[in-house]
Protein backbone atom coordinates (compact mmCIF):
# COMPACT_ATOMS: atom_id res chain seq x y z
CA UNK A 1 -22.95 12.32 15.06
CA UNK A 2 -22.34 13.26 18.68
CA UNK A 3 -22.84 16.99 19.41
CA UNK A 4 -19.68 19.04 19.66
CA UNK A 5 -18.88 20.77 22.92
CA UNK A 6 -16.60 23.54 24.16
CA UNK A 7 -15.48 26.78 22.55
CA UNK A 8 -15.09 25.20 19.09
CA UNK A 9 -18.69 23.93 18.98
CA UNK A 10 -19.96 26.36 16.33
CA UNK A 11 -16.96 26.33 13.93
CA UNK A 12 -16.83 22.53 14.14
CA UNK A 13 -20.51 22.28 13.25
CA UNK A 14 -20.02 24.71 10.37
CA UNK A 15 -16.96 22.82 9.11
CA UNK A 16 -18.69 19.43 9.11
CA UNK A 17 -21.75 20.96 7.44
CA UNK A 18 -19.49 22.37 4.71
CA UNK A 19 -17.82 19.01 4.14
CA UNK A 20 -21.16 17.25 3.85
CA UNK A 21 -22.52 19.90 1.49
CA UNK A 22 -19.60 19.01 -0.80
CA UNK A 23 -20.68 15.37 -0.89
CA UNK A 24 -18.50 13.88 1.87
CA UNK A 25 -20.21 11.66 4.45
CA UNK A 26 -17.60 12.79 6.96
CA UNK A 27 -18.77 10.49 9.74
CA UNK A 28 -15.42 9.04 10.85
CA UNK A 29 -13.71 12.45 10.77
CA UNK A 30 -16.65 14.02 12.61
CA UNK A 31 -16.23 11.47 15.39
CA UNK A 32 -12.55 12.37 15.58
CA UNK A 33 -13.41 16.07 15.79
CA UNK A 34 -15.95 15.31 18.52
CA UNK A 35 -13.13 13.77 20.55
CA UNK A 36 -11.08 16.90 19.88
CA UNK A 37 -13.91 19.08 21.17
CA UNK A 38 -14.02 17.01 24.36
CA UNK A 39 -10.23 17.34 24.62
CA UNK A 40 -10.43 21.12 24.18
CA UNK A 41 -12.74 21.35 27.19
CA UNK A 42 -9.99 19.97 29.41
CA UNK A 43 -7.79 22.93 28.42
CA UNK A 44 -10.32 25.45 29.79
CA UNK A 45 -10.06 27.68 26.71
CA UNK A 46 -11.92 30.98 26.71
CA UNK A 47 -11.91 31.64 22.96
CA UNK A 48 -12.11 29.43 19.83
CA UNK A 49 -8.49 30.09 18.91
CA UNK A 50 -6.59 27.07 17.64
CA UNK A 51 -3.11 28.09 18.75
CA UNK A 52 0.11 26.12 18.50
CA UNK A 53 -0.01 24.83 22.07
CA UNK A 54 -3.49 23.39 21.58
CA UNK A 55 -2.56 21.73 18.29
CA UNK A 56 0.68 20.21 19.56
CA UNK A 57 -1.03 18.96 22.72
CA UNK A 58 -3.65 17.20 20.58
CA UNK A 59 -1.05 15.88 18.11
CA UNK A 60 1.16 14.28 20.76
CA UNK A 61 1.36 10.51 20.45
CA UNK A 62 -0.56 8.54 23.02
CA UNK A 63 0.97 5.55 24.73
CA UNK A 64 -1.25 2.86 23.21
CA UNK A 65 -2.00 4.26 19.76
CA UNK A 66 -0.38 3.37 16.43
CA UNK A 67 1.29 5.87 14.13
CA UNK A 68 -1.61 5.42 11.72
CA UNK A 69 -4.14 6.46 14.36
CA UNK A 70 -2.02 9.43 15.40
CA UNK A 71 -1.61 10.42 11.78
CA UNK A 72 -5.37 10.38 11.26
CA UNK A 73 -5.92 12.64 14.27
CA UNK A 74 -3.30 15.10 13.06
CA UNK A 75 -4.64 15.14 9.51
CA UNK A 76 -8.24 15.73 10.61
CA UNK A 77 -7.36 18.64 12.88
CA UNK A 78 -5.12 20.11 10.17
CA UNK A 79 -8.11 20.21 7.80
CA UNK A 80 -10.16 21.99 10.46
CA UNK A 81 -7.32 24.48 11.02
CA UNK A 82 -7.17 25.24 7.29
CA UNK A 83 -10.91 25.85 7.34
CA UNK A 84 -10.56 28.26 10.27
CA UNK A 85 -7.89 30.20 8.39
CA UNK A 86 -10.10 30.32 5.29
CA UNK A 87 -12.86 32.10 7.26
CA UNK A 88 -10.42 34.55 8.82
CA UNK A 89 -10.00 32.90 12.21
CA UNK A 90 -6.69 32.45 13.97
CA UNK A 91 -5.38 28.90 13.68
CA UNK A 92 -2.06 27.09 13.76
CA UNK A 93 -1.74 24.71 10.79
CA UNK A 94 0.52 21.72 11.21
CA UNK A 95 3.00 21.41 8.37
CA UNK A 96 2.47 18.25 6.27
CA UNK A 97 6.03 17.16 7.03
CA UNK A 98 5.18 17.02 10.75
CA UNK A 99 2.84 14.11 10.07
CA UNK A 100 4.52 11.07 11.67
CA UNK A 101 2.90 8.61 9.28
CA UNK A 102 4.98 8.14 6.18
CA UNK A 103 4.54 5.87 3.21
CA UNK A 104 6.50 2.74 4.10
CA UNK A 105 6.41 1.50 0.53
CA UNK A 106 7.78 3.27 -2.52
CA UNK A 107 5.13 2.90 -5.24
CA UNK A 108 6.15 0.75 -8.17
CA UNK A 109 4.97 2.37 -11.39
CA UNK A 110 4.58 -0.14 -14.18
CA UNK A 111 5.52 0.87 -17.71
CA UNK A 112 2.92 0.59 -20.43
CA UNK A 113 4.76 -2.45 -21.77
CA UNK A 114 4.76 -4.11 -18.35
CA UNK A 115 1.02 -3.50 -18.03
CA UNK A 116 0.54 -5.11 -21.43
CA UNK A 117 2.55 -8.17 -20.35
CA UNK A 118 0.64 -8.44 -17.06
CA UNK A 119 -2.73 -8.41 -18.81
CA UNK A 120 -1.64 -10.86 -21.50
CA UNK A 121 -0.27 -13.29 -18.92
CA UNK A 122 -3.37 -12.95 -16.76
CA UNK A 123 -5.31 -14.26 -19.76
CA UNK A 124 -3.16 -17.41 -19.67
CA UNK A 125 -3.86 -18.44 -16.06
CA UNK A 126 -4.41 -22.16 -15.74
CA UNK A 127 -7.65 -23.43 -14.26
CA UNK A 128 -7.44 -25.40 -11.02
CA UNK A 129 -10.43 -27.69 -10.53
CA UNK A 130 -13.69 -25.75 -10.76
CA UNK A 131 -12.03 -22.44 -9.96
CA UNK A 132 -13.40 -19.27 -11.56
CA UNK A 133 -10.08 -17.51 -10.98
CA UNK A 134 -8.82 -17.72 -14.61
CA UNK A 135 -11.95 -15.85 -15.69
CA UNK A 136 -12.03 -13.42 -12.77
CA UNK A 137 -8.40 -12.25 -12.52
CA UNK A 138 -7.97 -10.85 -16.07
CA UNK A 139 -11.09 -8.68 -15.69
CA UNK A 140 -10.30 -7.64 -12.13
CA UNK A 141 -6.74 -6.53 -13.00
CA UNK A 142 -8.02 -4.57 -15.98
CA UNK A 143 -10.51 -2.83 -13.71
CA UNK A 144 -7.87 -2.01 -11.06
CA UNK A 145 -5.61 -0.43 -13.67
CA UNK A 146 -8.33 1.07 -15.86
CA UNK A 147 -10.30 2.67 -13.01
CA UNK A 148 -7.68 3.11 -10.28
CA UNK A 149 -9.71 1.11 -7.76
CA UNK A 150 -8.50 -0.17 -4.43
CA UNK A 151 -8.52 -3.98 -4.29
CA UNK A 152 -11.02 -3.82 -1.39
CA UNK A 153 -13.40 -1.78 -3.56
CA UNK A 154 -13.14 -4.17 -6.50
CA UNK A 155 -13.80 -7.38 -4.54
CA UNK A 156 -16.76 -5.71 -2.76
CA UNK A 157 -18.59 -4.88 -6.00
CA UNK A 158 -21.97 -6.54 -6.38
CA UNK A 159 -23.75 -7.01 -9.71
CA UNK A 160 -26.17 -4.21 -8.84
CA UNK A 161 -23.20 -1.83 -8.57
CA UNK A 162 -21.99 -2.57 -12.11
CA UNK A 163 -24.04 -0.89 -14.85
CA UNK A 164 -22.92 -2.83 -17.92
CA UNK A 165 -25.10 -0.87 -20.32
CA UNK A 166 -23.77 2.56 -19.40
CA UNK A 167 -20.33 1.36 -18.31
CA UNK A 168 -20.53 2.78 -14.78
CA UNK A 169 -19.36 1.44 -11.42
CA UNK A 170 -20.90 2.47 -8.10
CA UNK A 171 -18.45 2.32 -5.21
CA UNK A 172 -20.34 2.06 -1.93
CA UNK A 173 -18.73 3.05 1.36
CA UNK A 174 -15.17 3.04 0.09
CA UNK A 175 -12.26 4.29 2.14
CA UNK A 176 -13.17 7.28 4.34
CA UNK A 177 -16.77 5.96 4.03
CA UNK A 178 -17.18 7.75 0.68
CA UNK A 179 -19.47 6.71 -2.17
CA UNK A 180 -18.56 7.55 -5.74
CA UNK A 181 -19.51 6.78 -9.34
CA UNK A 182 -16.82 5.76 -11.82
CA UNK A 183 -17.19 5.60 -15.60
CA UNK A 184 -15.36 2.81 -17.40
CA UNK A 185 -13.82 2.95 -20.85
CA UNK A 186 -15.73 1.35 -23.73
CA UNK A 187 -13.09 -1.38 -23.95
CA UNK A 188 -13.30 -2.25 -20.26
CA UNK A 189 -17.10 -2.17 -20.40
CA UNK A 190 -17.04 -4.68 -23.25
CA UNK A 191 -14.68 -6.95 -21.30
CA UNK A 192 -17.00 -6.79 -18.28
CA UNK A 193 -20.06 -7.63 -20.38
CA UNK A 194 -18.35 -10.69 -21.83
CA UNK A 195 -17.23 -11.77 -18.35
CA UNK A 196 -20.76 -11.34 -16.98
CA UNK A 197 -22.25 -13.54 -19.70
CA UNK A 198 -19.73 -16.26 -18.83
CA UNK A 199 -19.85 -16.17 -15.02
CA UNK A 200 -23.24 -14.80 -14.03
CA UNK A 201 -25.74 -16.87 -15.99
CA UNK A 202 -27.67 -17.73 -12.79
CA UNK A 203 -26.67 -14.82 -10.59
CA UNK A 204 -28.78 -12.26 -8.79
CA UNK A 205 -28.23 -8.53 -8.42
CA UNK A 206 -26.90 -9.12 -4.91
CA UNK A 207 -24.22 -11.60 -5.98
CA UNK A 208 -20.65 -10.35 -5.99
CA UNK A 209 -19.34 -9.38 -9.41
CA UNK A 210 -16.02 -11.11 -8.83
CA UNK A 211 -16.95 -14.42 -7.25
CA UNK A 212 -15.53 -17.88 -6.69
CA UNK A 213 -17.12 -21.18 -7.70
CA UNK A 214 -18.79 -21.40 -4.24
CA UNK A 215 -20.51 -18.02 -4.91
CA UNK A 216 -18.44 -16.26 -2.27
CA UNK A 217 -16.48 -13.16 -3.33
CA UNK A 218 -12.91 -13.63 -4.41
CA UNK A 219 -10.60 -12.41 -1.66
CA UNK A 220 -7.68 -10.02 -1.81
CA UNK A 221 -5.41 -12.91 -0.81
CA UNK A 222 -6.61 -14.92 -3.81
CA UNK A 223 -5.72 -12.02 -6.05
CA UNK A 224 -2.31 -11.41 -4.44
CA UNK A 225 -1.22 -15.00 -4.91
CA UNK A 226 -2.15 -15.17 -8.56
CA UNK A 227 -0.71 -11.70 -9.17
CA UNK A 228 2.69 -12.93 -8.00
CA UNK A 229 2.47 -15.73 -10.56
CA UNK A 230 1.60 -13.25 -13.29
CA UNK A 231 4.54 -11.01 -12.36
CA UNK A 232 6.87 -13.99 -12.64
CA UNK A 233 5.52 -14.94 -16.07
CA UNK A 234 5.83 -11.29 -17.14
CA UNK A 235 9.52 -11.12 -16.20
CA UNK A 236 8.90 -8.55 -13.46
CA UNK A 237 10.95 -9.32 -10.37
CA UNK A 238 9.35 -9.21 -6.94
CA UNK A 239 11.31 -7.86 -3.98
CA UNK A 240 9.74 -10.23 -1.47
CA UNK A 241 7.05 -9.81 1.14
CA UNK A 242 6.25 -6.18 1.81
CA UNK A 243 8.48 -4.87 -0.99
CA UNK A 244 6.33 -5.35 -4.07
CA UNK A 245 5.37 -4.72 -6.73
CA UNK A 246 1.95 -4.99 -5.11
CA UNK A 247 -1.54 -5.23 -6.57
CA UNK A 248 -2.12 -1.74 -5.13
CA UNK A 249 0.63 -0.44 -7.43
CA UNK A 250 -1.82 -0.82 -10.32
CA UNK A 251 -3.78 2.02 -8.68
CA UNK A 252 -0.64 4.14 -8.33
CA UNK A 253 0.19 3.41 -11.97
CA UNK A 254 -3.29 4.46 -13.07
CA UNK A 255 -2.85 7.85 -11.37
CA UNK A 256 0.62 8.50 -12.80
CA UNK A 257 -0.37 7.45 -16.32
CA UNK A 258 -3.49 9.63 -16.11
CA UNK A 259 -1.47 12.69 -15.10
CA UNK A 260 1.09 11.99 -17.82
CA UNK A 261 -1.67 11.97 -20.43
CA UNK A 262 -3.07 15.19 -18.99
CA UNK A 263 0.30 16.97 -19.26
CA UNK A 264 0.86 15.70 -22.80
CA UNK A 265 -2.58 17.00 -23.82
CA UNK A 266 -1.92 20.38 -22.20
CA UNK A 267 -4.69 19.98 -19.62
CA UNK A 268 -4.40 22.35 -16.67
CA UNK A 269 -3.46 20.34 -13.57
CA UNK A 270 -5.45 22.73 -11.42
CA UNK A 271 -8.49 21.33 -13.23
CA UNK A 272 -7.24 17.74 -13.53
CA UNK A 273 -6.25 17.15 -9.90
CA UNK A 274 -9.69 17.75 -8.28
CA UNK A 275 -11.32 15.49 -10.89
CA UNK A 276 -8.75 12.75 -10.38
CA UNK A 277 -9.08 13.14 -6.59
CA UNK A 278 -12.83 12.51 -6.70
CA UNK A 279 -12.42 9.69 -9.23
CA UNK A 280 -9.94 7.87 -6.97
CA UNK A 281 -11.86 8.55 -3.75
CA UNK A 282 -9.08 10.48 -2.02
CA UNK A 283 -9.75 12.38 1.17
CA UNK A 284 -8.35 15.57 -0.36
CA UNK A 285 -6.69 17.00 -3.46
CA UNK A 286 -3.53 17.20 -1.36
CA UNK A 287 -3.36 13.38 -1.33
CA UNK A 288 -3.75 13.27 -5.12
CA UNK A 289 -1.13 15.96 -5.71
CA UNK A 290 1.60 13.59 -4.49
CA UNK A 291 1.28 11.86 -7.84
CA UNK A 292 2.46 15.02 -9.62
CA UNK A 293 5.93 14.63 -8.13
CA UNK A 294 5.86 10.89 -8.77
CA UNK A 295 4.90 11.49 -12.40
CA UNK A 296 7.82 13.87 -12.83
CA UNK A 297 10.20 11.34 -11.27
CA UNK A 298 8.99 8.41 -13.38
CA UNK A 299 8.87 10.27 -16.68
CA UNK A 300 11.96 12.53 -16.91
CA UNK A 301 11.01 13.51 -20.47
CA UNK A 302 8.06 15.54 -19.16
CA UNK A 303 9.65 16.66 -15.87
CA UNK A 304 10.82 19.98 -17.31
CA UNK A 305 7.34 20.74 -18.59
CA UNK A 306 5.80 19.83 -15.25
CA UNK A 307 8.16 22.00 -13.24
CA UNK A 308 7.98 24.95 -15.64
CA UNK A 309 4.19 25.03 -15.88
CA UNK A 310 3.06 23.42 -12.62
CA UNK A 311 6.01 23.85 -10.30
CA UNK A 312 3.84 25.52 -7.71
CA UNK A 313 1.63 22.45 -7.29
CA UNK A 314 4.41 19.85 -7.15
CA UNK A 315 4.69 18.86 -3.49
CA UNK A 316 7.67 17.53 -1.64
CA UNK A 317 6.93 13.85 -1.10
CA UNK A 318 8.83 11.58 1.27
CA UNK A 319 8.70 7.88 0.41
CA UNK A 320 10.42 5.88 3.13
């Protein structure tokens, strides 16, 4: 990590140290904050006060950057501002609705029956030549839904990251460069053990868990194409390219179904959200809390209970 400079040097060091003490690698964000510290020097500030003018000057879109890059800069500085406020320092916190990056896709939440049809039809995939796909896809889809993984995390799993005896997955350098450990259900663990005995008779610990006949890892594109076939066989219409349902919607569905079960069991969402956030590898609980509103929207029968008991944690979410 490059050393911070300027008037924010000490609080930036303290903030990054705090993040890392909580288990975050925080390398990418630290690099972003280093650039902010260099930027702050150009403003010739005399005190480490993060006022509105400083924040808005940093947040302004640059000519050659994408909305995603701008959004990341804004989000990272917002987290630092919240930290400053928490230690009693003066700081202007950008409102979440000022973030220019919006979800361009409305998540498709599968019903339990649709999930059942998807898994059953994945078991019926026809083999093409020496392809391992008919064996790989049913297990991979069950893992995406059962563990809420990102597709990139699933296809990157190596055998050494899958503990079949204890039923535990190790996600290495996932999004935001975060590692995490994920327990699987007994049912999913059993499915994975059976799959391993079929596919990995001559494999090493370094081989990919989900691999093709040529020993290379199955790609996200492979999965997307076969997923479209499965949706068709399951009677679930697809809106066309970019409209979904997408493979990633299995992850969204996992989160919503998990929160629904939590509400039905009377589990306090203040306790459930941080656990779910870590489990899914989110950057913050704020990102996970968006699923509370989505859960209320998808399941009207529990919406009243959600709003009565947890209304204060249901965020306003904009899905473009």
